[in-house]
């Protein structure tokens, strides 16, 4: 399999996964008052914006088309 075809398939898979798999993100907030430290840690699971998935899919299709033309 050529490198451009492999990259194209990889981009298509990543593009499809970006629509369904949420990405975990955590934030830590803390405040120190004297000897006392108060902290709060929050976790979010957010999906990527749809534009990112569309760009990944389009890039994968483009890489596959360009890779097949070079053969």
C-alpha atoms as a PDB file:
ATOM      1  CA  UNK A   1       0.000   0.000   0.000  1.00  0.00           C
ATOM      2  CA  UNK A   2       1.400   3.392  -0.923  1.00  0.00           C
ATOM      3  CA  UNK A   3       2.053   6.047   1.684  1.00  0.00           C
ATOM      4  CA  UNK A   4      -0.549   8.469   0.312  1.00  0.00           C
ATOM      5  CA  UNK A   5      -3.223   5.761   0.362  1.00  0.00           C
ATOM      6  CA  UNK A   6      -2.314   4.839   3.932  1.00  0.00           C
ATOM      7  CA  UNK A   7      -2.465   8.493   4.998  1.00  0.00           C
ATOM      8  CA  UNK A   8      -5.808   8.861   3.213  1.00  0.00           C
ATOM      9  CA  UNK A   9      -7.322   5.892   5.018  1.00  0.00           C
ATOM     10  CA  UNK A  10      -5.960   7.140   8.333  1.00  0.00           C
ATOM     11  CA  UNK A  11      -7.461  10.599   7.801  1.00  0.00           C
ATOM     12  CA  UNK A  12     -10.838   9.116   6.878  1.00  0.00           C
ATOM     13  CA  UNK A  13     -10.864   6.943   9.997  1.00  0.00           C
ATOM     14  CA  UNK A  14      -9.892   9.903  12.199  1.00  0.00           C
ATOM     15  CA  UNK A  15     -12.564  12.040  10.538  1.00  0.00           C
ATOM     16  CA  UNK A  16     -15.258   9.463  11.216  1.00  0.00           C
ATOM     17  CA  UNK A  17     -14.116   8.993  14.808  1.00  0.00           C
ATOM     18  CA  UNK A  18     -14.178  12.748  15.432  1.00  0.00           C
ATOM     19  CA  UNK A  19     -17.957  12.706  14.980  1.00  0.00           C
ATOM     20  CA  UNK A  20     -18.652  10.044  17.619  1.00  0.00           C
ATOM     21  CA  UNK A  21     -15.794   9.846  20.159  1.00  0.00           C
ATOM     22  CA  UNK A  22     -15.685  12.567  22.829  1.00  0.00           C
ATOM     23  CA  UNK A  23     -12.303  13.870  23.963  1.00  0.00           C
ATOM     24  CA  UNK A  24     -11.834  14.091  27.746  1.00  0.00           C
ATOM     25  CA  UNK A  25     -10.483  17.323  29.173  1.00  0.00           C
ATOM     26  CA  UNK A  26      -9.839  18.192  32.809  1.00  0.00           C
ATOM     27  CA  UNK A  27      -9.337  21.515  34.543  1.00  0.00           C
ATOM     28  CA  UNK A  28      -7.972  22.175  37.989  1.00  0.00           C
ATOM     29  CA  UNK A  29      -8.875  25.284  39.981  1.00  0.00           C
ATOM     30  CA  UNK A  30      -7.353  26.075  43.336  1.00  0.00           C
ATOM     31  CA  UNK A  31      -7.243  28.871  45.876  1.00  0.00           C
ATOM     32  CA  UNK A  32      -4.888  29.223  48.800  1.00  0.00           C
ATOM     33  CA  UNK A  33      -5.946  31.254  51.817  1.00  0.00           C
ATOM     34  CA  UNK A  34      -3.332  31.274  54.521  1.00  0.00           C
ATOM     35  CA  UNK A  35      -2.419  27.676  55.287  1.00  0.00           C
ATOM     36  CA  UNK A  36      -5.602  26.310  53.739  1.00  0.00           C
ATOM     37  CA  UNK A  37      -5.726  25.215  50.131  1.00  0.00           C
ATOM     38  CA  UNK A  38      -9.047  24.605  48.384  1.00  0.00           C
ATOM     39  CA  UNK A  39      -9.010  22.880  45.030  1.00  0.00           C
ATOM     40  CA  UNK A  40     -11.594  21.745  42.541  1.00  0.00           C
ATOM     41  CA  UNK A  41     -11.011  19.494  39.574  1.00  0.00           C
ATOM     42  CA  UNK A  42     -13.585  19.271  36.799  1.00  0.00           C
ATOM     43  CA  UNK A  43     -13.720  16.918  33.852  1.00  0.00           C
ATOM     44  CA  UNK A  44     -15.478  17.545  30.541  1.00  0.00           C
ATOM     45  CA  UNK A  45     -16.073  15.256  27.598  1.00  0.00           C
ATOM     46  CA  UNK A  46     -16.549  17.237  24.432  1.00  0.00           C
ATOM     47  CA  UNK A  47     -16.679  16.240  20.796  1.00  0.00           C
ATOM     48  CA  UNK A  48     -14.617  18.069  18.214  1.00  0.00           C
ATOM     49  CA  UNK A  49     -16.394  20.660  16.085  1.00  0.00           C
ATOM     50  CA  UNK A  50     -17.993  19.165  12.959  1.00  0.00           C
ATOM     51  CA  UNK A  51     -15.753  21.310  10.745  1.00  0.00           C
ATOM     52  CA  UNK A  52     -12.709  19.372  11.981  1.00  0.00           C
ATOM     53  CA  UNK A  53     -14.283  16.056  11.006  1.00  0.00           C
ATOM     54  CA  UNK A  54     -15.265  17.392   7.591  1.00  0.00           C
ATOM     55  CA  UNK A  55     -11.740  18.671   6.931  1.00  0.00           C
ATOM     56  CA  UNK A  56     -10.229  15.323   7.978  1.00  0.00           C
ATOM     57  CA  UNK A  57     -12.637  13.401   5.736  1.00  0.00           C
ATOM     58  CA  UNK A  58     -12.008  15.710   2.772  1.00  0.00           C
ATOM     59  CA  UNK A  59      -8.253  15.446   3.268  1.00  0.00           C
ATOM     60  CA  UNK A  60      -8.472  11.661   3.377  1.00  0.00           C
ATOM     61  CA  UNK A  61     -10.517  11.479   0.180  1.00  0.00           C
ATOM     62  CA  UNK A  62      -8.145  13.916  -1.517  1.00  0.00           C
ATOM     63  CA  UNK A  63      -5.116  11.859  -0.465  1.00  0.00           C
ATOM     64  CA  UNK A  64      -6.727   8.676  -1.801  1.00  0.00           C
ATOM     65  CA  UNK A  65      -7.606  10.314  -5.131  1.00  0.00           C
ATOM     66  CA  UNK A  66      -4.166  11.852  -5.574  1.00  0.00           C
ATOM     67  CA  UNK A  67      -2.509   8.590  -4.564  1.00  0.00           C
ATOM     68  CA  UNK A  68      -4.460   6.606  -7.149  1.00  0.00           C
ATOM     69  CA  UNK A  69      -3.596   9.092  -9.909  1.00  0.00           C
ATOM     70  CA  UNK A  70       0.135   8.779  -9.274  1.00  0.00           C
ATOM     71  CA  UNK A  71       0.079   5.012  -9.792  1.00  0.00           C
END
